[in-house]
Amino acid sequence: MEETIQEFGLRATFLLDTYLGHRSDGSREPFPDAARLHAALTNAACCGSTAQVSEDGSSLIPHPQAVESLRWLDEHEPVEMELPQSSPLGTGEEFAYRNVSSVNAKHSAEKRLISDGAGLSGPVGYIWKDVPRNVAQWLDLLAADVGCLGEATSPVIIRTGATATHRRAREQTIFARGGERFRVPRAGRTDELMKRHGEANPKKKPTVAADKLKQGELPKPSRISQECVRSSRYVPIVAGRAPADDLSVPWSSVYVVPLSGDNVQPEDRMAWAAALHKALIAAVGENVSSLLTGKYPEGSPRPANGLAVHCVPSERVAHLGIEQPALLIMSPAC
């Protein structure tokens, strides 16, 4: 049986405390996601110190063990992440005119956005569980050859070890709310990136005719592949909360208040709940929390879910050993 490491992490420390990267639509990216880390490791495998010279001596090729490790990442997204605070740099609307062509007068200069980024309060970490030891060793070797994460002006040092602040959410539907969504690689991503790398670095050198200057030549930005990636949601790890819980749960705590007597009639349940709500506000007296009243000052942030009171029949609380109807005071995570 192959030896595994119970927990393995990679931590990216940005030398300028800033991260520069953009999503496919050009918008600012607050953190480098797992797909971007995978791309950086793939580039290191193709061009770094672990790469091998091809049989014909014309190019470098990744070591087979490196490819195997990258393909393992295709099938295993990080189960936890270490995310610092991220603050945008600039408004994202600054631009400058850049000279982009010396042969086409109509396109000699273009208006382009200035590369914006995000200031980070600390490193970004990626954590996997039950990692084969050989895979972990090769990922460590590849990480040592990564010089930047995101754009070239975003230098980084990647070392092993990370402290989790977020975990992968159980609920991954598009309707789930809360947390951070990131791209993660899926099966075939490694092969897709190596295919693109081969296209950008052909073995056959261009002929003189093919390399001749063309008057209609325009800059060709590299194509960023969006194949074989998907979205995954990560939610904050809250002390004292069970690992199965995440921000998709509307209320994190429920207080049960048993009632005496028989079941409350359905048409009377709302009146009982409203009476308890008013009693709670009256018991607090002055300076009642907005969470309790449901009224917030204009312009202040509002949580997705407020305090809720429900009146339920006895069969809904029988599993708690309660034989009477009950009022449930349901409190959201704060």
C-alpha atoms as a PDB file:
ATOM      1  CA  MET A   1       0.000   0.000   0.000  1.00  0.00           C
ATOM      2  CA  GLU A   2       1.357   3.425  -0.981  1.00  0.00           C
ATOM      3  CA  GLU A   3       2.411   5.598   1.940  1.00  0.00           C
ATOM      4  CA  THR A   4       0.360   8.757   2.339  1.00  0.00           C
ATOM      5  CA  ILE A   5       0.741  12.032   4.220  1.00  0.00           C
ATOM      6  CA  GLN A   6      -2.313  12.835   6.326  1.00  0.00           C
ATOM      7  CA  GLU A   7      -2.144  16.557   5.565  1.00  0.00           C
ATOM      8  CA  PHE A   8      -0.044  18.413   3.016  1.00  0.00           C
ATOM      9  CA  GLY A   9      -0.114  22.131   2.331  1.00  0.00           C
ATOM     10  CA  LEU A  10       1.531  24.688   0.068  1.00  0.00           C
ATOM     11  CA  ARG A  11       1.759  28.298   1.241  1.00  0.00           C
ATOM     12  CA  ALA A  12       2.349  31.160  -1.191  1.00  0.00           C
ATOM     13  CA  THR A  13       4.024  34.244   0.315  1.00  0.00           C
ATOM     14  CA  PHE A  14       3.933  37.305  -1.939  1.00  0.00           C
ATOM     15  CA  LEU A  15       7.141  39.306  -1.700  1.00  0.00           C
ATOM     16  CA  LEU A  16       5.414  42.649  -2.316  1.00  0.00           C
ATOM     17  CA  ASP A  17       2.334  41.750  -0.222  1.00  0.00           C
ATOM     18  CA  THR A  18       0.302  42.236  -3.390  1.00  0.00           C
ATOM     19  CA  TYR A  19      -1.315  39.802  -5.791  1.00  0.00           C
ATOM     20  CA  LEU A  20      -1.958  40.695  -9.421  1.00  0.00           C
ATOM     21  CA  GLY A  21      -4.280  38.450 -11.364  1.00  0.00           C
ATOM     22  CA  HIS A  22      -7.487  38.701 -13.367  1.00  0.00           C
ATOM     23  CA  ARG A  23     -10.437  36.477 -14.123  1.00  0.00           C
ATOM     24  CA  SER A  24     -11.328  35.481 -17.674  1.00  0.00           C
ATOM     25  CA  ASP A  25     -13.654  38.499 -17.943  1.00  0.00           C
ATOM     26  CA  GLY A  26     -10.832  40.893 -17.007  1.00  0.00           C
ATOM     27  CA  SER A  27     -12.095  41.647 -13.500  1.00  0.00           C
ATOM     28  CA  ARG A  28      -9.730  41.778 -10.547  1.00  0.00           C
ATOM     29  CA  GLU A  29      -9.057  38.473  -8.764  1.00  0.00           C
ATOM     30  CA  PRO A  30      -8.729  38.833  -4.950  1.00  0.00           C
ATOM     31  CA  PHE A  31      -6.795  35.585  -4.411  1.00  0.00           C
ATOM     32  CA  PRO A  32      -4.917  33.105  -6.617  1.00  0.00           C
ATOM     33  CA  ASP A  33      -7.203  30.084  -6.911  1.00  0.00           C
ATOM     34  CA  ALA A  34      -6.191  26.429  -7.031  1.00  0.00           C
ATOM     35  CA  ALA A  35      -6.405  26.373 -10.845  1.00  0.00           C
ATOM     36  CA  ARG A  36      -3.858  29.203 -11.038  1.00  0.00           C
ATOM     37  CA  LEU A  37      -1.526  27.405  -8.626  1.00  0.00           C
ATOM     38  CA  HIS A  38      -1.862  24.254 -10.729  1.00  0.00           C
ATOM     39  CA  ALA A  39      -0.973  26.227 -13.862  1.00  0.00           C
ATOM     40  CA  ALA A  40       2.126  27.671 -12.176  1.00  0.00           C
ATOM     41  CA  LEU A  41       3.237  24.193 -11.068  1.00  0.00           C
ATOM     42  CA  THR A  42       2.665  22.863 -14.600  1.00  0.00           C
ATOM     43  CA  ASN A  43       4.833  25.632 -16.044  1.00  0.00           C
ATOM     44  CA  ALA A  44       7.534  24.779 -13.499  1.00  0.00           C
ATOM     45  CA  ALA A  45       7.352  21.121 -14.551  1.00  0.00           C
ATOM     46  CA  CYS A  46       7.808  22.061 -18.224  1.00  0.00           C
ATOM     47  CA  CYS A  47      10.557  24.668 -17.794  1.00  0.00           C
ATOM     48  CA  GLY A  48      12.005  24.283 -14.286  1.00  0.00           C
ATOM     49  CA  SER A  49      14.927  22.433 -12.781  1.00  0.00           C
ATOM     50  CA  THR A  50      13.125  19.068 -12.760  1.00  0.00           C
ATOM     51  CA  ALA A  51      12.422  19.145 -16.534  1.00  0.00           C
ATOM     52  CA  GLN A  52      14.311  16.739 -18.780  1.00  0.00           C
ATOM     53  CA  VAL A  53      15.881  17.238 -22.208  1.00  0.00           C
ATOM     54  CA  SER A  54      13.877  15.592 -24.976  1.00  0.00           C
ATOM     55  CA  GLU A  55      15.383  12.694 -26.933  1.00  0.00           C
ATOM     56  CA  ASP A  56      16.188  14.888 -29.918  1.00  0.00           C
ATOM     57  CA  GLY A  57      17.692  17.554 -27.650  1.00  0.00           C
ATOM     58  CA  SER A  58      15.476  20.278 -29.060  1.00  0.00           C
ATOM     59  CA  SER A  59      13.383  21.083 -25.992  1.00  0.00           C
ATOM     60  CA  LEU A  60      12.608  20.437 -22.337  1.00  0.00           C
ATOM     61  CA  ILE A  61       9.884  18.011 -21.276  1.00  0.00           C
ATOM     62  CA  PRO A  62       8.387  17.446 -17.814  1.00  0.00           C
ATOM     63  CA  HIS A  63       9.534  14.503 -15.725  1.00  0.00           C
ATOM     64  CA  PRO A  64       6.987  11.637 -15.749  1.00  0.00           C
ATOM     65  CA  GLN A  65       6.703  11.773 -11.954  1.00  0.00           C
ATOM     66  CA  ALA A  66       5.937  15.489 -12.145  1.00  0.00           C
ATOM     67  CA  VAL A  67       3.147  14.829 -14.641  1.00  0.00           C
ATOM     68  CA  GLU A  68       1.749  12.091 -12.412  1.00  0.00           C
ATOM     69  CA  SER A  69       1.692  14.478  -9.447  1.00  0.00           C
ATOM     70  CA  LEU A  70      -0.040  17.195 -11.459  1.00  0.00           C
ATOM     71  CA  ARG A  71      -2.656  14.723 -12.639  1.00  0.00           C
ATOM     72  CA  TRP A  72      -3.273  13.817  -9.010  1.00  0.00           C
ATOM     73  CA  LEU A  73      -4.172  17.476  -8.446  1.00  0.00           C
ATOM     74  CA  ASP A  74      -6.651  17.165 -11.333  1.00  0.00           C
ATOM     75  CA  GLU A  75      -8.598  14.657  -9.257  1.00  0.00           C
ATOM     76  CA  HIS A  76      -8.116  16.209  -5.813  1.00  0.00           C
ATOM     77  CA  GLU A  77      -8.995  19.821  -5.134  1.00  0.00           C
ATOM     78  CA  PRO A  78      -7.834  21.428  -1.856  1.00  0.00           C
ATOM     79  CA  VAL A  79     -10.073  20.485   1.056  1.00  0.00           C
ATOM     80  CA  GLU A  80      -9.025  23.584   3.008  1.00  0.00           C
ATOM     81  CA  MET A  81      -7.453  26.955   2.245  1.00  0.00           C
ATOM     82  CA  GLU A  82      -5.630  29.695   4.104  1.00  0.00           C
ATOM     83  CA  LEU A  83      -7.050  33.043   3.016  1.00  0.00           C
ATOM     84  CA  PRO A  84      -5.794  36.399   4.366  1.00  0.00           C
ATOM     85  CA  GLN A  85      -7.632  39.698   4.101  1.00  0.00           C
ATOM     86  CA  SER A  86      -7.644  41.069   0.557  1.00  0.00           C
ATOM     87  CA  SER A  87      -7.988  44.776  -0.253  1.00  0.00           C
ATOM     88  CA  PRO A  88      -8.278  46.133  -3.812  1.00  0.00           C
ATOM     89  CA  LEU A  89      -5.522  48.416  -5.097  1.00  0.00           C
ATOM     90  CA  GLY A  90      -6.970  51.256  -7.128  1.00  0.00           C
ATOM     91  CA  THR A  91     -10.434  51.489  -8.629  1.00  0.00           C
ATOM     92  CA  GLY A  92      -9.819  49.131 -11.531  1.00  0.00           C
ATOM     93  CA  GLU A  93     -10.559  51.932 -14.006  1.00  0.00           C
ATOM     94  CA  GLU A  94      -7.069  53.414 -14.431  1.00  0.00           C
ATOM     95  CA  PHE A  95      -5.703  53.102 -17.957  1.00  0.00           C
ATOM     96  CA  ALA A  96      -2.799  54.146 -20.132  1.00  0.00           C
ATOM     97  CA  TYR A  97      -2.062  54.279 -23.842  1.00  0.00           C
ATOM     98  CA  ARG A  98       0.500  51.684 -24.884  1.00  0.00           C
ATOM     99  CA  ASN A  99       2.501  51.316 -28.078  1.00  0.00           C
ATOM    100  CA  VAL A 100       1.491  47.903 -29.372  1.00  0.00           C
ATOM    101  CA  SER A 101       2.641  47.868 -32.988  1.00  0.00           C
ATOM    102  CA  SER A 102       5.520  49.339 -34.948  1.00  0.00           C
ATOM    103  CA  VAL A 103       4.280  48.156 -38.353  1.00  0.00           C
ATOM    104  CA  ASN A 104       0.599  49.108 -38.396  1.00  0.00           C
ATOM    105  CA  ALA A 105      -0.050  52.851 -38.123  1.00  0.00           C
ATOM    106  CA  LYS A 106      -3.768  52.342 -37.415  1.00  0.00           C
ATOM    107  CA  HIS A 107      -2.996  50.260 -34.369  1.00  0.00           C
ATOM    108  CA  SER A 108       0.238  51.835 -33.156  1.00  0.00           C
ATOM    109  CA  ALA A 109      -1.274  52.655 -29.761  1.00  0.00           C
ATOM    110  CA  GLU A 110      -4.180  51.239 -27.788  1.00  0.00           C
ATOM    111  CA  LYS A 111      -5.980  52.155 -24.611  1.00  0.00           C
ATOM    112  CA  ARG A 112      -5.402  49.419 -22.048  1.00  0.00           C
ATOM    113  CA  LEU A 113      -6.203  49.068 -18.378  1.00  0.00           C
ATOM    114  CA  ILE A 114      -3.285  49.388 -15.994  1.00  0.00           C
ATOM    115  CA  SER A 115      -2.700  46.128 -14.175  1.00  0.00           C
ATOM    116  CA  ASP A 116      -4.472  46.415 -10.840  1.00  0.00           C
ATOM    117  CA  GLY A 117      -4.278  43.983  -7.976  1.00  0.00           C
ATOM    118  CA  ALA A 118      -5.020  43.283  -4.344  1.00  0.00           C
ATOM    119  CA  GLY A 119      -3.082  43.886  -1.149  1.00  0.00           C
ATOM    120  CA  LEU A 120      -2.875  40.780   1.058  1.00  0.00           C
ATOM    121  CA  SER A 121      -2.470  40.720   4.834  1.00  0.00           C
ATOM    122  CA  GLY A 122      -0.639  37.393   4.717  1.00  0.00           C
ATOM    123  CA  PRO A 123       0.121  34.272   2.670  1.00  0.00           C
ATOM    124  CA  VAL A 124      -2.362  32.153   0.728  1.00  0.00           C
ATOM    125  CA  GLY A 125      -2.386  28.434   1.497  1.00  0.00           C
ATOM    126  CA  TYR A 126      -3.767  25.275  -0.116  1.00  0.00           C
ATOM    127  CA  ILE A 127      -4.287  22.092   1.912  1.00  0.00           C
ATOM    128  CA  TRP A 128      -4.960  18.514   0.776  1.00  0.00           C
ATOM    129  CA  LYS A 129      -5.646  15.386   2.847  1.00  0.00           C
ATOM    130  CA  ASP A 130      -4.203  11.878   2.422  1.00  0.00           C
ATOM    131  CA  VAL A 131      -1.627  12.816  -0.187  1.00  0.00           C
ATOM    132  CA  PRO A 132       0.691  10.079  -1.531  1.00  0.00           C
ATOM    133  CA  ARG A 133       4.172  10.795  -0.233  1.00  0.00           C
ATOM    134  CA  ASN A 134       5.705  10.677  -3.716  1.00  0.00           C
ATOM    135  CA  VAL A 135       3.145  13.218  -4.972  1.00  0.00           C
ATOM    136  CA  ALA A 136       3.840  15.535  -2.030  1.00  0.00           C
ATOM    137  CA  GLN A 137       7.593  15.369  -2.636  1.00  0.00           C
ATOM    138  CA  TRP A 138       7.220  16.261  -6.306  1.00  0.00           C
ATOM    139  CA  LEU A 139       4.793  19.104  -5.601  1.00  0.00           C
ATOM    140  CA  ASP A 140       7.370  20.499  -3.159  1.00  0.00           C
ATOM    141  CA  LEU A 141      10.062  20.316  -5.860  1.00  0.00           C
ATOM    142  CA  LEU A 142       7.860  22.013  -8.447  1.00  0.00           C
ATOM    143  CA  ALA A 143       6.798  24.736  -5.996  1.00  0.00           C
ATOM    144  CA  ALA A 144      10.448  25.710  -5.500  1.00  0.00           C
ATOM    145  CA  ASP A 145      10.626  26.670  -9.207  1.00  0.00           C
ATOM    146  CA  VAL A 146       7.568  28.951  -9.157  1.00  0.00           C
ATOM    147  CA  GLY A 147       8.727  32.568  -9.312  1.00  0.00           C
ATOM    148  CA  CYS A 148       5.387  34.339  -9.682  1.00  0.00           C
ATOM    149  CA  LEU A 149       1.741  33.524  -9.144  1.00  0.00           C
ATOM    150  CA  GLY A 150      -0.545  35.508 -11.385  1.00  0.00           C
ATOM    151  CA  GLU A 151       1.243  38.140 -13.451  1.00  0.00           C
ATOM    152  CA  ALA A 152       5.013  38.442 -13.665  1.00  0.00           C
ATOM    153  CA  THR A 153       4.856  41.492 -11.394  1.00  0.00           C
ATOM    154  CA  SER A 154       3.457  39.297  -8.621  1.00  0.00           C
ATOM    155  CA  PRO A 155       6.607  37.518  -7.299  1.00  0.00           C
ATOM    156  CA  VAL A 156       6.074  34.720  -4.819  1.00  0.00           C
ATOM    157  CA  ILE A 157       7.840  32.106  -2.731  1.00  0.00           C
ATOM    158  CA  ILE A 158       5.945  28.827  -2.201  1.00  0.00           C
ATOM    159  CA  ARG A 159       6.853  26.585   0.730  1.00  0.00           C
ATOM    160  CA  THR A 160       5.181  23.609   2.356  1.00  0.00           C
ATOM    161  CA  GLY A 161       2.765  24.014   5.274  1.00  0.00           C
ATOM    162  CA  ALA A 162      -0.388  26.092   5.709  1.00  0.00           C
ATOM    163  CA  THR A 163      -2.933  26.976   8.404  1.00  0.00           C
ATOM    164  CA  ALA A 164      -6.544  26.504   7.334  1.00  0.00           C
ATOM    165  CA  THR A 165      -9.002  29.389   7.631  1.00  0.00           C
ATOM    166  CA  HIS A 166     -11.571  28.081   5.107  1.00  0.00           C
ATOM    167  CA  ARG A 167     -12.821  24.613   4.223  1.00  0.00           C
ATOM    168  CA  ARG A 168     -14.573  23.228   1.190  1.00  0.00           C
ATOM    169  CA  ALA A 169     -18.326  23.564   1.695  1.00  0.00           C
ATOM    170  CA  ARG A 170     -20.512  20.496   1.654  1.00  0.00           C
ATOM    171  CA  GLU A 171     -23.126  22.235  -0.482  1.00  0.00           C
ATOM    172  CA  GLN A 172     -21.666  23.047  -3.889  1.00  0.00           C
ATOM    173  CA  THR A 173     -24.782  24.026  -5.843  1.00  0.00           C
ATOM    174  CA  ILE A 174     -24.991  27.351  -7.659  1.00  0.00           C
ATOM    175  CA  PHE A 175     -27.744  28.382  -5.249  1.00  0.00           C
ATOM    176  CA  ALA A 176     -25.573  28.071  -2.118  1.00  0.00           C
ATOM    177  CA  ARG A 177     -24.669  31.392  -0.542  1.00  0.00           C
ATOM    178  CA  GLY A 178     -21.693  32.601   1.472  1.00  0.00           C
ATOM    179  CA  GLY A 179     -17.995  31.837   1.385  1.00  0.00           C
ATOM    180  CA  GLU A 180     -15.585  32.272  -1.518  1.00  0.00           C
ATOM    181  CA  ARG A 181     -15.812  30.595  -4.908  1.00  0.00           C
ATOM    182  CA  PHE A 182     -12.614  29.550  -6.674  1.00  0.00           C
ATOM    183  CA  ARG A 183     -11.649  27.727  -9.832  1.00  0.00           C
ATOM    184  CA  VAL A 184     -10.199  24.282  -9.222  1.00  0.00           C
ATOM    185  CA  PRO A 185      -8.708  21.888 -11.807  1.00  0.00           C
ATOM    186  CA  ARG A 186     -10.571  18.785 -12.871  1.00  0.00           C
ATOM    187  CA  ALA A 187      -9.636  15.672 -14.860  1.00  0.00           C
ATOM    188  CA  GLY A 188      -7.720  16.558 -18.014  1.00  0.00           C
ATOM    189  CA  ARG A 189      -6.443  19.965 -16.883  1.00  0.00           C
ATOM    190  CA  THR A 190      -2.779  18.900 -16.807  1.00  0.00           C
ATOM    191  CA  ASP A 191      -2.944  17.460 -20.325  1.00  0.00           C
ATOM    192  CA  GLU A 192      -4.735  20.592 -21.577  1.00  0.00           C
ATOM    193  CA  LEU A 193      -2.066  22.924 -20.181  1.00  0.00           C
ATOM    194  CA  MET A 194       0.810  20.823 -21.507  1.00  0.00           C
ATOM    195  CA  LYS A 195      -0.873  20.790 -24.913  1.00  0.00           C
ATOM    196  CA  ARG A 196      -1.045  24.606 -24.867  1.00  0.00           C
ATOM    197  CA  HIS A 197       2.581  24.767 -23.727  1.00  0.00           C
ATOM    198  CA  GLY A 198       3.611  22.599 -26.673  1.00  0.00           C
ATOM    199  CA  GLU A 199       1.697  24.822 -29.112  1.00  0.00           C
ATOM    200  CA  ALA A 200       3.414  27.933 -27.739  1.00  0.00           C
ATOM    201  CA  ASN A 201       6.841  26.271 -27.932  1.00  0.00           C
ATOM    202  CA  PRO A 202       6.904  24.259 -31.177  1.00  0.00           C
ATOM    203  CA  LYS A 203       9.836  21.923 -31.777  1.00  0.00           C
ATOM    204  CA  LYS A 204      10.153  22.984 -35.410  1.00  0.00           C
ATOM    205  CA  LYS A 205      11.778  26.384 -35.774  1.00  0.00           C
ATOM    206  CA  PRO A 206       9.951  28.856 -38.050  1.00  0.00           C
ATOM    207  CA  THR A 207      11.314  29.307 -41.549  1.00  0.00           C
ATOM    208  CA  VAL A 208      12.597  32.654 -42.761  1.00  0.00           C
ATOM    209  CA  ALA A 209       9.472  33.094 -44.902  1.00  0.00           C
ATOM    210  CA  ALA A 210       7.132  32.250 -42.037  1.00  0.00           C
ATOM    211  CA  ASP A 211       9.001  34.617 -39.742  1.00  0.00           C
ATOM    212  CA  LYS A 212       8.871  37.503 -42.194  1.00  0.00           C
ATOM    213  CA  LEU A 213       7.382  40.783 -40.992  1.00  0.00           C
ATOM    214  CA  LYS A 214       3.788  41.337 -42.105  1.00  0.00           C
ATOM    215  CA  GLN A 215       2.304  44.827 -42.380  1.00  0.00           C
ATOM    216  CA  GLY A 216      -1.029  43.639 -40.997  1.00  0.00           C
ATOM    217  CA  GLU A 217       0.552  41.944 -38.013  1.00  0.00           C
ATOM    218  CA  LEU A 218      -1.097  42.736 -34.670  1.00  0.00           C
ATOM    219  CA  PRO A 219      -0.165  41.725 -31.135  1.00  0.00           C
ATOM    220  CA  LYS A 220      -1.431  38.271 -30.239  1.00  0.00           C
ATOM    221  CA  PRO A 221      -2.004  37.854 -26.517  1.00  0.00           C
ATOM    222  CA  SER A 222      -1.568  34.321 -25.251  1.00  0.00           C
ATOM    223  CA  ARG A 223      -4.769  32.312 -25.020  1.00  0.00           C
ATOM    224  CA  ILE A 224      -5.658  31.385 -21.468  1.00  0.00           C
ATOM    225  CA  SER A 225      -7.379  28.032 -21.446  1.00  0.00           C
ATOM    226  CA  GLN A 226     -10.577  27.712 -19.406  1.00  0.00           C
ATOM    227  CA  GLU A 227     -10.991  24.029 -20.224  1.00  0.00           C
ATOM    228  CA  CYS A 228     -11.149  21.370 -17.506  1.00  0.00           C
ATOM    229  CA  VAL A 229     -11.788  23.740 -14.587  1.00  0.00           C
ATOM    230  CA  ARG A 230     -14.811  24.108 -12.344  1.00  0.00           C
ATOM    231  CA  SER A 231     -15.943  26.237  -9.432  1.00  0.00           C
ATOM    232  CA  SER A 232     -15.715  25.204  -5.789  1.00  0.00           C
ATOM    233  CA  ARG A 233     -16.988  27.040  -2.702  1.00  0.00           C
ATOM    234  CA  TYR A 234     -14.981  27.494   0.516  1.00  0.00           C
ATOM    235  CA  VAL A 235     -16.488  28.777   3.758  1.00  0.00           C
ATOM    236  CA  PRO A 236     -14.796  30.187   6.894  1.00  0.00           C
ATOM    237  CA  ILE A 237     -13.895  27.768   9.663  1.00  0.00           C
ATOM    238  CA  VAL A 238     -15.690  28.965  12.813  1.00  0.00           C
ATOM    239  CA  ALA A 239     -14.435  27.816  16.221  1.00  0.00           C
ATOM    240  CA  GLY A 240     -16.909  25.542  17.932  1.00  0.00           C
ATOM    241  CA  ARG A 241     -18.864  24.724  14.786  1.00  0.00           C
ATOM    242  CA  ALA A 242     -19.079  21.125  13.650  1.00  0.00           C
ATOM    243  CA  PRO A 243     -17.050  20.376  10.505  1.00  0.00           C
ATOM    244  CA  ALA A 244     -20.216  19.465   8.609  1.00  0.00           C
ATOM    245  CA  ASP A 245     -21.671  22.936   9.113  1.00  0.00           C
ATOM    246  CA  ASP A 246     -21.075  25.883   6.817  1.00  0.00           C
ATOM    247  CA  LEU A 247     -22.611  29.218   5.904  1.00  0.00           C
ATOM    248  CA  SER A 248     -25.302  27.542   3.803  1.00  0.00           C
ATOM    249  CA  VAL A 249     -27.149  26.743   7.066  1.00  0.00           C
ATOM    250  CA  PRO A 250     -29.559  29.645   7.736  1.00  0.00           C
ATOM    251  CA  TRP A 251     -29.482  29.310  11.549  1.00  0.00           C
ATOM    252  CA  SER A 252     -26.557  27.952  13.540  1.00  0.00           C
ATOM    253  CA  SER A 253     -28.328  27.697  16.933  1.00  0.00           C
ATOM    254  CA  VAL A 254     -31.864  26.684  17.903  1.00  0.00           C
ATOM    255  CA  TYR A 255     -33.315  27.193  21.396  1.00  0.00           C
ATOM    256  CA  VAL A 256     -36.349  25.051  22.259  1.00  0.00           C
ATOM    257  CA  VAL A 257     -39.041  26.414  24.607  1.00  0.00           C
ATOM    258  CA  PRO A 258     -41.583  23.648  25.485  1.00  0.00           C
ATOM    259  CA  LEU A 259     -45.214  24.690  25.957  1.00  0.00           C
ATOM    260  CA  SER A 260     -47.630  23.148  28.400  1.00  0.00           C
ATOM    261  CA  GLY A 261     -50.858  21.544  27.248  1.00  0.00           C
ATOM    262  CA  ASP A 262     -51.959  19.988  24.001  1.00  0.00           C
ATOM    263  CA  ASN A 263     -50.806  20.895  20.505  1.00  0.00           C
ATOM    264  CA  VAL A 264     -51.372  24.451  19.384  1.00  0.00           C
ATOM    265  CA  GLN A 265     -53.859  24.747  16.539  1.00  0.00           C
ATOM    266  CA  PRO A 266     -52.249  25.624  13.187  1.00  0.00           C
ATOM    267  CA  GLU A 267     -54.142  28.902  12.949  1.00  0.00           C
ATOM    268  CA  ASP A 268     -52.766  29.963  16.370  1.00  0.00           C
ATOM    269  CA  ARG A 269     -49.067  29.134  15.799  1.00  0.00           C
ATOM    270  CA  MET A 270     -48.153  32.505  14.279  1.00  0.00           C
ATOM    271  CA  ALA A 271     -49.788  34.340  17.187  1.00  0.00           C
ATOM    272  CA  TRP A 272     -47.738  32.288  19.697  1.00  0.00           C
ATOM    273  CA  ALA A 273     -44.508  32.997  17.773  1.00  0.00           C
ATOM    274  CA  ALA A 274     -45.290  36.721  17.535  1.00  0.00           C
ATOM    275  CA  ALA A 275     -46.073  36.859  21.271  1.00  0.00           C
ATOM    276  CA  LEU A 276     -42.712  35.290  22.146  1.00  0.00           C
ATOM    277  CA  HIS A 277     -40.904  37.666  19.796  1.00  0.00           C
ATOM    278  CA  LYS A 278     -42.482  40.681  21.508  1.00  0.00           C
ATOM    279  CA  ALA A 279     -41.696  39.203  24.927  1.00  0.00           C
ATOM    280  CA  LEU A 280     -38.010  38.813  23.997  1.00  0.00           C
ATOM    281  CA  ILE A 281     -37.789  42.457  22.902  1.00  0.00           C
ATOM    282  CA  ALA A 282     -39.546  43.621  26.063  1.00  0.00           C
ATOM    283  CA  ALA A 283     -37.227  41.508  28.235  1.00  0.00           C
ATOM    284  CA  VAL A 284     -34.142  43.135  26.746  1.00  0.00           C
ATOM    285  CA  GLY A 285     -35.532  46.632  27.288  1.00  0.00           C
ATOM    286  CA  GLU A 286     -33.307  49.432  25.953  1.00  0.00           C
ATOM    287  CA  ASN A 287     -30.655  49.086  23.241  1.00  0.00           C
ATOM    288  CA  VAL A 288     -32.324  46.101  21.615  1.00  0.00           C
ATOM    289  CA  SER A 289     -30.162  44.495  18.948  1.00  0.00           C
ATOM    290  CA  SER A 290     -31.202  44.951  15.323  1.00  0.00           C
ATOM    291  CA  LEU A 291     -30.798  41.189  14.954  1.00  0.00           C
ATOM    292  CA  LEU A 292     -33.727  40.782  17.358  1.00  0.00           C
ATOM    293  CA  THR A 293     -35.958  43.550  16.051  1.00  0.00           C
ATOM    294  CA  GLY A 294     -35.202  43.082  12.361  1.00  0.00           C
ATOM    295  CA  LYS A 295     -34.806  46.867  11.936  1.00  0.00           C
ATOM    296  CA  TYR A 296     -31.398  48.145  10.795  1.00  0.00           C
ATOM    297  CA  PRO A 297     -30.116  51.721  10.417  1.00  0.00           C
ATOM    298  CA  GLU A 298     -30.106  52.971   6.861  1.00  0.00           C
ATOM    299  CA  GLY A 299     -26.918  52.016   5.048  1.00  0.00           C
ATOM    300  CA  SER A 300     -25.778  49.443   7.621  1.00  0.00           C
ATOM    301  CA  PRO A 301     -25.054  45.847   6.496  1.00  0.00           C
ATOM    302  CA  ARG A 302     -27.875  43.340   6.900  1.00  0.00           C
ATOM    303  CA  PRO A 303     -27.303  39.611   7.455  1.00  0.00           C
ATOM    304  CA  ALA A 304     -28.873  37.162   5.037  1.00  0.00           C
ATOM    305  CA  ASN A 305     -30.966  35.662   7.845  1.00  0.00           C
ATOM    306  CA  GLY A 306     -32.288  37.240  11.052  1.00  0.00           C
ATOM    307  CA  LEU A 307     -33.695  35.795  14.243  1.00  0.00           C
ATOM    308  CA  ALA A 308     -36.693  33.536  13.613  1.00  0.00           C
ATOM    309  CA  VAL A 309     -39.373  32.159  15.954  1.00  0.00           C
ATOM    310  CA  HIS A 310     -41.458  29.136  14.995  1.00  0.00           C
ATOM    311  CA  CYS A 311     -44.223  27.272  16.820  1.00  0.00           C
ATOM    312  CA  VAL A 312     -44.081  23.540  16.029  1.00  0.00           C
ATOM    313  CA  PRO A 313     -46.254  20.559  17.051  1.00  0.00           C
ATOM    314  CA  SER A 314     -45.035  17.932  19.492  1.00  0.00           C
ATOM    315  CA  GLU A 315     -44.115  15.389  16.796  1.00  0.00           C
ATOM    316  CA  ARG A 316     -41.466  17.790  15.464  1.00  0.00           C
ATOM    317  CA  VAL A 317     -39.555  17.792  18.762  1.00  0.00           C
ATOM    318  CA  ALA A 318     -40.314  14.244  19.962  1.00  0.00           C
ATOM    319  CA  HIS A 319     -36.767  13.143  19.045  1.00  0.00           C
ATOM    320  CA  LEU A 320     -35.535  15.587  21.724  1.00  0.00           C
ATOM    321  CA  GLY A 321     -37.584  13.864  24.409  1.00  0.00           C
ATOM    322  CA  ILE A 322     -40.181  16.653  24.458  1.00  0.00           C
ATOM    323  CA  GLU A 323     -43.821  15.557  24.466  1.00  0.00           C
ATOM    324  CA  GLN A 324     -45.404  19.027  24.225  1.00  0.00           C
ATOM    325  CA  PRO A 325     -45.543  21.554  21.408  1.00  0.00           C
ATOM    326  CA  ALA A 326     -42.657  23.985  21.453  1.00  0.00           C
ATOM    327  CA  LEU A 327     -41.481  27.387  20.361  1.00  0.00           C
ATOM    328  CA  LEU A 328     -38.170  27.413  18.474  1.00  0.00           C
ATOM    329  CA  ILE A 329     -35.916  30.458  18.720  1.00  0.00           C
ATOM    330  CA  MET A 330     -33.585  30.179  15.746  1.00  0.00           C
ATOM    331  CA  SER A 331     -30.435  32.311  15.779  1.00  0.00           C
ATOM    332  CA  PRO A 332     -28.204  32.879  12.696  1.00  0.00           C
ATOM    333  CA  ALA A 333     -24.420  32.716  12.790  1.00  0.00           C
ATOM    334  CA  CYS A 334     -22.988  36.109  13.774  1.00  0.00           C
END
